Amino acid sequence: MDGPHTTSADGGRGGGWFGDGPAGPDAAVEDASDAGLLRRTMAEIEPVADKAIAHFYALLFLRHPEVRELFPAAMDTQRDRLFKALLTAATHADDPAALTGYLTRLGCGHRKYGTLPGHYPAVGEALIGALALHAPRTWGPRTEAAWVSAYTTVSQIMIDAAAADELRAPAWWHAEVVAHERRTPDIAVVTVRPDQPYPFLAGQYTALETPWWPRVWRHYSFASAPRPDGLLSFHVKAVPAGWVSNALVRRARPGDVLRLGPPTGSMTVDHTRDSALLCLGGGTGIAPIKALVEDVARHGRRRTVDVFYGARSGHDLYDIDTMLRLQQSHPWLSVHPVLDDDAAGLPTGGLPQAVRASGPWDAHDAYLSGPPGLIRRGVDALVGIGIPAGRIRHDSLEELAGAAS
């Protein structure tokens, strides 16, 4: 099962606690709605989240051992994702539009794990059991009823989404590695051929599973726009203790067969708009930025595109030649290499500072791709120079954190 694709649940602590027993001093001003009860449970769970997550899986696997095979042998990153995704969904139950979109993606994505409708009651039972034990101050009959109602809504949306998706797409695709190019000792460009048509949009990403780590899925962006030959490319950086990334960089060879989950992500170009684009790509985050450039070129709208390509050193600008060739072919494209350190090894402020020093950018649509820290700093910088938050697109920070392995 997969993790959240949207912002995490509200973990702020409220003023006082609301239970189902005698009212406390703040009871009169506390939100007694179901949504308020859910948020207060979340506030109590937050400081003991690790214990609650461990208890959740202990209950799930003890009471329903048949579910264990849906998860990887070593839980690591996967351990937190399902629990946090459920909490995120439940605490946004009062926003039906956002909740439905989020859960539709989640339900479709869970198909690749072999999740069936019958698994959802087992997960709900374990969730309620973990919350009841680790949120004793806020738990009671009314709170339990609120969580049961929220989980029932959440699970039904996911079940319905998975059933609808099953009619139009497989749960996963097999994809043969047809090319493997090492750009640096730690970075490889991996090109695969899916066993059947794989529809996606430039700027999206997918989950990859290798034959060496069954049921361990990691997210990677497509490094090109859709191609006539149907091939897909990914830029992968091997990171310390990264099971999937190290396997893809150091072990994968042509002829190996991977599995692909469905495409997801909303960092795509709106071709009904004529606004110029500002793109920031750090490290292997340049991969989806390159795909967006190719997508703009394919649509022939000749929108101005500025790409800031950041890295720690010149050696790490592993795809700069490709980006400069695109710049030579398209006069509307400007590529700006940016190094985190100057020639003397002093920090320069990287991409955010480089963007602040140029511009103006307030009329642009902005796209960011790279490590979570870069995304956070980049969003702050872009908002600070006048780009509305609604015109800034980037990958999910939660998925980025999980992909770094």
Protein backbone atom coordinates (compact mmCIF):
# COMPACT_ATOMS: atom_id res chain seq x y z
CA MET A 1 0.00 0.00 0.00
CA ASP A 2 1.14 3.47 -0.80
CA GLY A 3 1.74 6.79 0.92
CA PRO A 4 0.10 10.19 0.63
CA HIS A 5 0.31 12.29 -2.50
CA THR A 6 -0.86 15.49 -0.88
CA THR A 7 0.00 17.56 2.14
CA SER A 8 0.20 15.80 5.47
CA ALA A 9 -2.53 15.91 8.05
CA ASP A 10 -2.88 18.76 10.49
CA GLY A 11 -0.70 17.89 13.45
CA GLY A 12 -1.10 21.09 15.45
CA ARG A 13 -2.09 20.76 19.08
CA GLY A 14 -5.35 22.39 20.08
CA GLY A 15 -6.08 24.35 23.23
CA GLY A 16 -7.33 21.66 25.63
CA TRP A 17 -8.73 18.19 24.94
CA PHE A 18 -12.20 17.05 24.03
CA GLY A 19 -13.37 13.65 25.20
CA ASP A 20 -16.70 11.95 25.63
CA GLY A 21 -16.69 12.28 29.41
CA PRO A 22 -16.99 15.42 31.54
CA ALA A 23 -16.26 18.63 29.66
CA GLY A 24 -12.94 20.35 30.34
CA PRO A 25 -12.50 24.10 30.80
CA ASP A 26 -12.20 24.66 27.04
CA ALA A 27 -15.08 22.42 26.01
CA ALA A 28 -17.39 25.33 25.24
CA VAL A 29 -15.07 26.73 22.60
CA GLU A 30 -13.90 23.44 21.10
CA ASP A 31 -15.23 22.12 17.80
CA ALA A 32 -17.60 19.24 18.64
CA SER A 33 -18.12 18.22 15.00
CA ASP A 34 -16.79 14.94 13.64
CA ALA A 35 -14.00 16.84 11.93
CA GLY A 36 -13.09 18.49 15.23
CA LEU A 37 -12.98 15.11 16.97
CA LEU A 38 -10.69 13.72 14.28
CA ARG A 39 -8.32 16.67 14.54
CA ARG A 40 -8.08 16.38 18.30
CA THR A 41 -7.24 12.70 18.02
CA MET A 42 -4.53 13.62 15.53
CA ALA A 43 -3.09 16.20 17.93
CA GLU A 44 -2.86 13.60 20.68
CA ILE A 45 -1.38 10.95 18.37
CA GLU A 46 1.33 13.19 16.91
CA PRO A 47 3.85 13.00 19.81
CA VAL A 48 3.55 9.18 19.95
CA ALA A 49 3.14 8.53 16.23
CA ASP A 50 5.95 5.95 16.09
CA LYS A 51 4.34 3.86 18.82
CA ALA A 52 0.92 4.16 17.22
CA ILE A 53 2.27 3.08 13.83
CA ALA A 54 4.06 0.07 15.33
CA HIS A 55 0.90 -0.94 17.19
CA PHE A 56 -1.19 -0.51 14.05
CA TYR A 57 0.95 -2.98 12.09
CA ALA A 58 1.19 -5.39 15.03
CA LEU A 59 -2.61 -5.56 15.21
CA LEU A 60 -2.96 -5.82 11.43
CA PHE A 61 -0.48 -8.66 10.97
CA LEU A 62 -1.49 -10.55 14.14
CA ARG A 63 -5.20 -10.54 13.44
CA HIS A 64 -4.94 -10.81 9.65
CA PRO A 65 -1.66 -12.57 8.74
CA GLU A 66 -2.82 -12.96 5.15
CA VAL A 67 -2.33 -9.20 4.68
CA ARG A 68 1.39 -9.40 5.51
CA GLU A 69 2.27 -10.59 2.00
CA LEU A 70 1.12 -7.24 0.57
CA PHE A 71 4.03 -5.51 2.28
CA PRO A 72 7.81 -5.76 1.70
CA ALA A 73 9.86 -8.01 3.97
CA ALA A 74 11.59 -4.95 5.49
CA MET A 75 9.07 -2.23 6.20
CA ASP A 76 11.44 0.84 6.48
CA THR A 77 9.81 3.72 4.59
CA GLN A 78 6.67 1.72 3.87
CA ARG A 79 5.96 1.44 7.59
CA ASP A 80 4.84 5.04 7.95
CA ARG A 81 3.08 5.58 4.66
CA LEU A 82 -0.16 3.64 4.98
CA PHE A 83 -0.90 4.85 8.52
CA LYS A 84 -0.16 8.48 7.66
CA ALA A 85 -2.17 8.25 4.47
CA LEU A 86 -5.20 7.02 6.39
CA LEU A 87 -4.88 9.79 8.94
CA THR A 88 -4.44 12.40 6.22
CA ALA A 89 -7.56 11.20 4.43
CA ALA A 90 -9.71 10.90 7.52
CA THR A 91 -8.86 14.34 8.85
CA HIS A 92 -9.76 15.94 5.52
CA ALA A 93 -13.18 14.31 5.42
CA ASP A 94 -14.84 17.74 5.56
CA ASP A 95 -13.31 18.69 2.17
CA PRO A 96 -15.05 16.23 -0.19
CA ALA A 97 -13.60 17.60 -3.44
CA ALA A 98 -9.96 17.42 -2.34
CA LEU A 99 -10.53 14.15 -0.50
CA THR A 100 -12.09 12.41 -3.49
CA GLY A 101 -9.24 13.37 -5.82
CA TYR A 102 -6.62 12.28 -3.31
CA LEU A 103 -8.30 8.97 -2.49
CA THR A 104 -8.97 8.18 -6.14
CA ARG A 105 -5.24 8.38 -6.84
CA LEU A 106 -4.47 6.41 -3.70
CA GLY A 107 -7.00 3.67 -4.46
CA CYS A 108 -5.75 3.26 -8.02
CA GLY A 109 -2.14 3.24 -6.85
CA HIS A 110 -2.82 0.54 -4.27
CA ARG A 111 -3.81 -1.90 -6.99
CA LYS A 112 -0.14 -2.58 -7.71
CA TYR A 113 0.25 -4.05 -4.20
CA GLY A 114 -2.55 -6.56 -4.77
CA THR A 115 -4.98 -4.74 -2.47
CA LEU A 116 -8.52 -6.16 -2.62
CA PRO A 117 -11.81 -4.82 -1.21
CA GLY A 118 -11.71 -7.46 1.52
CA HIS A 119 -8.48 -6.03 2.91
CA TYR A 120 -10.00 -2.69 3.87
CA PRO A 121 -12.01 -3.86 6.92
CA ALA A 122 -8.85 -5.43 8.37
CA VAL A 123 -6.94 -2.19 7.97
CA GLY A 124 -9.79 -0.18 9.50
CA GLU A 125 -9.97 -2.51 12.50
CA ALA A 126 -6.23 -2.10 13.14
CA LEU A 127 -6.45 1.67 12.70
CA ILE A 128 -9.23 2.04 15.27
CA GLY A 129 -7.40 -0.25 17.69
CA ALA A 130 -4.18 1.76 17.47
CA LEU A 131 -5.93 5.11 17.86
CA ALA A 132 -7.97 3.92 20.85
CA LEU A 133 -4.83 2.82 22.70
CA HIS A 134 -2.63 5.82 21.91
CA ALA A 135 -5.21 8.64 22.14
CA PRO A 136 -6.89 7.83 25.49
CA ARG A 137 -7.63 11.44 26.43
CA THR A 138 -9.68 12.15 23.33
CA TRP A 139 -11.08 8.66 22.71
CA GLY A 140 -14.62 7.65 23.51
CA PRO A 141 -17.83 6.45 21.83
CA ARG A 142 -18.38 9.68 19.86
CA THR A 143 -14.78 9.91 18.71
CA GLU A 144 -14.74 6.24 17.72
CA ALA A 145 -17.95 6.72 15.75
CA ALA A 146 -16.41 9.71 13.95
CA TRP A 147 -13.35 7.68 12.97
CA VAL A 148 -15.41 4.68 11.87
CA SER A 149 -17.56 6.95 9.70
CA ALA A 150 -14.52 8.69 8.22
CA TYR A 151 -12.72 5.43 7.47
CA THR A 152 -15.86 3.95 5.91
CA THR A 153 -16.02 6.94 3.55
CA VAL A 154 -12.30 6.77 2.82
CA SER A 155 -12.25 3.04 2.08
CA GLN A 156 -15.36 3.11 -0.12
CA ILE A 157 -13.95 5.89 -2.31
CA MET A 158 -10.70 3.93 -2.71
CA ILE A 159 -12.51 0.67 -3.47
CA ASP A 160 -14.73 2.34 -6.07
CA ALA A 161 -11.76 4.10 -7.67
CA ALA A 162 -9.79 0.85 -7.91
CA ALA A 163 -12.77 -0.96 -9.45
CA ALA A 164 -13.22 1.75 -12.08
CA ASP A 165 -9.49 1.83 -12.82
CA GLU A 166 -9.42 -1.94 -13.29
CA LEU A 167 -11.70 -1.56 -16.31
CA ARG A 168 -9.25 0.71 -18.15
CA ALA A 169 -5.71 -0.09 -16.99
CA PRO A 170 -3.65 -2.94 -15.52
CA ALA A 171 -2.53 -2.83 -11.90
CA TRP A 172 1.08 -2.69 -13.12
CA TRP A 173 3.12 -2.95 -16.29
CA HIS A 174 6.15 -5.14 -16.91
CA ALA A 175 8.99 -3.18 -18.50
CA GLU A 176 12.23 -4.54 -19.94
CA VAL A 177 15.40 -2.55 -19.47
CA VAL A 178 16.68 -1.78 -22.99
CA ALA A 179 19.45 0.72 -22.13
CA HIS A 180 21.49 1.57 -19.05
CA GLU A 181 23.86 4.54 -19.20
CA ARG A 182 26.02 5.59 -16.26
CA ARG A 183 26.38 9.38 -16.39
CA THR A 184 28.37 9.58 -13.13
CA PRO A 185 29.48 6.90 -10.66
CA ASP A 186 26.16 7.40 -8.82
CA ILE A 187 23.72 8.40 -11.57
CA ALA A 188 22.29 6.22 -14.34
CA VAL A 189 19.79 6.85 -17.10
CA VAL A 190 17.61 3.74 -17.28
CA THR A 191 15.43 3.24 -20.36
CA VAL A 192 12.68 0.61 -20.41
CA ARG A 193 10.13 -0.79 -22.85
CA PRO A 194 6.68 -1.47 -21.28
CA ASP A 195 4.94 -4.67 -22.29
CA GLN A 196 1.83 -2.71 -23.34
CA PRO A 197 0.97 0.94 -24.05
CA TYR A 198 1.73 3.19 -21.08
CA PRO A 199 -0.11 6.54 -21.23
CA PHE A 200 1.36 9.39 -19.16
CA LEU A 201 1.96 13.14 -19.26
CA ALA A 202 5.27 14.99 -19.20
CA GLY A 203 6.05 16.03 -15.63
CA GLN A 204 4.42 12.99 -14.02
CA TYR A 205 6.11 10.17 -12.14
CA THR A 206 5.56 6.50 -11.44
CA ALA A 207 6.55 3.79 -8.96
CA LEU A 208 9.22 1.24 -9.89
CA GLU A 209 9.79 -2.21 -8.41
CA THR A 210 12.95 -4.21 -9.15
CA PRO A 211 13.22 -8.01 -9.17
CA TRP A 212 15.80 -7.82 -6.39
CA TRP A 213 13.51 -6.15 -3.83
CA PRO A 214 9.96 -7.52 -4.27
CA ARG A 215 7.12 -5.27 -3.06
CA VAL A 216 9.51 -2.36 -2.48
CA TRP A 217 8.35 0.47 -4.73
CA ARG A 218 10.09 3.83 -5.21
CA HIS A 219 8.96 6.85 -7.20
CA TYR A 220 10.81 8.26 -10.21
CA SER A 221 9.86 10.97 -12.69
CA PHE A 222 9.71 10.36 -16.43
CA ALA A 223 12.76 11.95 -18.05
CA SER A 224 11.07 12.72 -21.36
CA ALA A 225 7.72 13.54 -22.85
CA PRO A 226 5.81 10.58 -24.37
CA ARG A 227 7.81 9.17 -27.29
CA PRO A 228 6.59 7.60 -30.53
CA ASP A 229 8.55 4.40 -29.78
CA GLY A 230 6.86 4.05 -26.37
CA LEU A 231 10.15 3.89 -24.45
CA LEU A 232 10.40 5.42 -20.97
CA SER A 233 13.53 6.85 -19.36
CA PHE A 234 14.36 7.58 -15.72
CA HIS A 235 17.29 9.37 -14.08
CA VAL A 236 18.28 7.46 -10.95
CA LYS A 237 20.80 8.51 -8.30
CA ALA A 238 22.13 5.82 -5.97
CA VAL A 239 21.87 7.01 -2.37
CA PRO A 240 23.38 5.48 0.79
CA ALA A 241 21.34 2.47 1.94
CA GLY A 242 18.97 3.00 -0.99
CA TRP A 243 17.75 -0.45 -1.95
CA VAL A 244 15.95 0.39 -5.16
CA SER A 245 18.20 3.24 -6.29
CA ASN A 246 21.39 1.20 -5.83
CA ALA A 247 19.85 -1.77 -7.63
CA LEU A 248 18.82 0.40 -10.58
CA VAL A 249 22.18 2.17 -10.83
CA ARG A 250 24.64 -0.63 -10.03
CA ARG A 251 22.82 -3.87 -10.81
CA ALA A 252 20.22 -3.35 -13.54
CA ARG A 253 21.24 -4.33 -17.07
CA PRO A 254 19.49 -4.61 -20.45
CA GLY A 255 17.18 -7.60 -20.37
CA ASP A 256 16.16 -7.18 -16.74
CA VAL A 257 12.41 -6.76 -16.19
CA LEU A 258 11.00 -4.15 -13.79
CA ARG A 259 7.42 -3.44 -12.78
CA LEU A 260 5.81 -0.02 -13.24
CA GLY A 261 2.87 1.35 -11.30
CA PRO A 262 0.38 3.77 -12.85
CA PRO A 263 1.50 7.32 -13.70
CA THR A 264 0.59 10.03 -11.23
CA GLY A 265 1.40 13.63 -10.38
CA SER A 266 0.04 17.02 -11.43
CA MET A 267 3.29 18.83 -12.29
CA THR A 268 2.13 19.12 -15.89
CA VAL A 269 1.91 22.03 -18.33
CA ASP A 270 -1.47 23.65 -18.92
CA HIS A 271 -1.38 24.14 -22.69
CA THR A 272 -4.47 26.34 -22.66
CA ARG A 273 -2.37 29.11 -21.07
CA ASP A 274 0.14 31.36 -22.81
CA SER A 275 2.15 32.41 -19.76
CA ALA A 276 5.90 31.89 -19.72
CA LEU A 277 7.41 29.07 -17.66
CA LEU A 278 10.04 29.22 -14.93
CA CYS A 279 11.51 25.80 -14.16
CA LEU A 280 13.88 24.86 -11.33
CA GLY A 281 15.53 21.45 -11.41
CA GLY A 282 18.06 20.30 -8.82
CA GLY A 283 20.16 17.16 -9.32
CA THR A 284 18.14 14.39 -10.94
CA GLY A 285 15.16 16.73 -10.62
CA ILE A 286 16.21 17.97 -14.04
CA ALA A 287 14.58 14.83 -15.52
CA PRO A 288 10.92 15.95 -15.38
CA ILE A 289 11.98 19.52 -16.25
CA LYS A 290 13.51 18.20 -19.47
CA ALA A 291 10.26 16.34 -20.12
CA LEU A 292 8.29 19.57 -19.69
CA VAL A 293 10.55 21.38 -22.17
CA GLU A 294 10.02 18.62 -24.72
CA ASP A 295 6.28 18.82 -24.11
CA VAL A 296 6.22 22.58 -24.78
CA ALA A 297 8.24 22.04 -27.96
CA ARG A 298 5.87 19.32 -29.13
CA HIS A 299 2.85 21.58 -28.70
CA GLY A 300 4.52 24.33 -30.72
CA ARG A 301 3.16 27.23 -28.67
CA ARG A 302 6.61 28.93 -28.43
CA ARG A 303 6.11 29.97 -24.82
CA THR A 304 9.21 31.42 -23.19
CA VAL A 305 10.81 28.86 -20.88
CA ASP A 306 13.64 29.58 -18.42
CA VAL A 307 15.30 26.55 -16.84
CA PHE A 308 17.55 26.92 -13.79
CA TYR A 309 19.56 23.69 -13.48
CA GLY A 310 21.25 23.36 -10.10
CA ALA A 311 23.95 21.07 -8.75
CA ARG A 312 26.65 21.06 -6.10
CA SER A 313 29.48 21.09 -8.66
CA GLY A 314 30.03 21.17 -12.40
CA HIS A 315 30.58 17.41 -12.33
CA ASP A 316 27.04 16.97 -11.00
CA LEU A 317 25.49 18.79 -13.98
CA TYR A 318 25.32 15.38 -15.63
CA ASP A 319 22.61 16.32 -18.17
CA ILE A 320 23.78 19.83 -19.05
CA ASP A 321 24.80 18.84 -22.60
CA THR A 322 21.28 17.61 -23.31
CA MET A 323 19.75 20.80 -21.95
CA LEU A 324 22.13 23.00 -23.98
CA ARG A 325 21.27 21.08 -27.16
CA LEU A 326 17.60 21.74 -26.47
CA GLN A 327 18.44 25.42 -26.01
CA GLN A 328 20.20 25.50 -29.38
CA SER A 329 17.16 23.93 -31.05
CA HIS A 330 14.54 26.16 -29.43
CA PRO A 331 15.12 29.94 -29.30
CA TRP A 332 12.38 30.36 -26.69
CA LEU A 333 14.35 28.24 -24.20
CA SER A 334 17.04 29.64 -21.87
CA VAL A 335 19.10 27.30 -19.67
CA HIS A 336 20.90 28.66 -16.60
CA PRO A 337 23.37 26.29 -14.87
CA VAL A 338 23.68 27.08 -11.16
CA LEU A 339 26.24 25.67 -8.72
CA ASP A 340 25.67 25.59 -4.97
CA ASP A 341 29.33 26.50 -4.35
CA ASP A 342 31.49 29.03 -6.19
CA ALA A 343 35.02 28.41 -7.46
CA ALA A 344 36.43 29.01 -3.98
CA GLY A 345 34.03 26.50 -2.43
CA LEU A 346 31.84 29.16 -0.81
CA PRO A 347 28.05 28.67 -0.74
CA THR A 348 26.18 30.72 -3.32
CA GLY A 349 22.61 30.13 -2.14
CA GLY A 350 21.92 27.80 -5.05
CA LEU A 351 18.83 27.89 -7.21
CA PRO A 352 16.60 30.09 -5.00
CA GLN A 353 19.21 32.83 -4.82
CA ALA A 354 19.92 32.63 -8.56
CA VAL A 355 16.21 33.06 -9.32
CA ARG A 356 15.88 36.00 -6.92
CA ALA A 357 18.81 37.72 -8.62
CA SER A 358 17.15 37.63 -12.05
CA GLY A 359 13.63 38.01 -13.36
CA PRO A 360 11.07 39.49 -12.94
CA TRP A 361 9.08 36.26 -12.71
CA ASP A 362 5.73 37.33 -11.26
CA ALA A 363 3.87 36.63 -14.54
CA HIS A 364 5.35 33.13 -14.94
CA ASP A 365 4.02 29.67 -14.12
CA ALA A 366 6.65 27.94 -11.99
CA TYR A 367 7.73 24.28 -11.79
CA LEU A 368 10.14 22.81 -9.24
CA SER A 369 11.72 19.37 -9.08
CA GLY A 370 14.45 18.06 -6.82
CA PRO A 371 15.12 17.12 -3.19
CA PRO A 372 12.49 18.11 -0.58
CA GLY A 373 14.73 20.82 0.90
CA LEU A 374 15.13 22.47 -2.49
CA ILE A 375 11.38 22.38 -3.06
CA ARG A 376 10.66 24.05 0.27
CA ARG A 377 13.28 26.78 -0.23
CA GLY A 378 12.25 27.23 -3.84
CA VAL A 379 8.57 27.68 -3.04
CA ASP A 380 9.42 30.26 -0.37
CA ALA A 381 11.66 32.12 -2.81
CA LEU A 382 9.09 32.10 -5.62
CA VAL A 383 6.28 33.30 -3.39
CA GLY A 384 8.64 35.97 -2.08
CA ILE A 385 9.26 37.36 -5.56
CA GLY A 386 5.58 37.59 -6.37
CA ILE A 387 4.53 34.31 -7.98
CA PRO A 388 1.14 33.26 -6.54
CA ALA A 389 1.22 29.89 -4.78
CA GLY A 390 -1.50 28.63 -7.12
CA ARG A 391 0.89 28.97 -10.09
CA ILE A 392 3.71 26.95 -8.46
CA ARG A 393 3.74 23.21 -9.16
CA HIS A 394 6.00 20.52 -7.75
CA ASP A 395 6.06 16.85 -6.83
CA SER A 396 4.64 15.71 -3.52
CA LEU A 397 7.16 16.28 -0.72
CA GLU A 398 6.10 13.02 0.95
CA GLU A 399 6.80 11.00 -2.20
CA LEU A 400 10.11 12.80 -2.71
CA ALA A 401 11.21 11.80 0.77
CA GLY A 402 10.22 8.20 0.13
CA ALA A 403 11.91 8.10 -3.27
CA ALA A 404 15.34 8.76 -1.78
CA SER A 405 16.02 5.05 -1.40
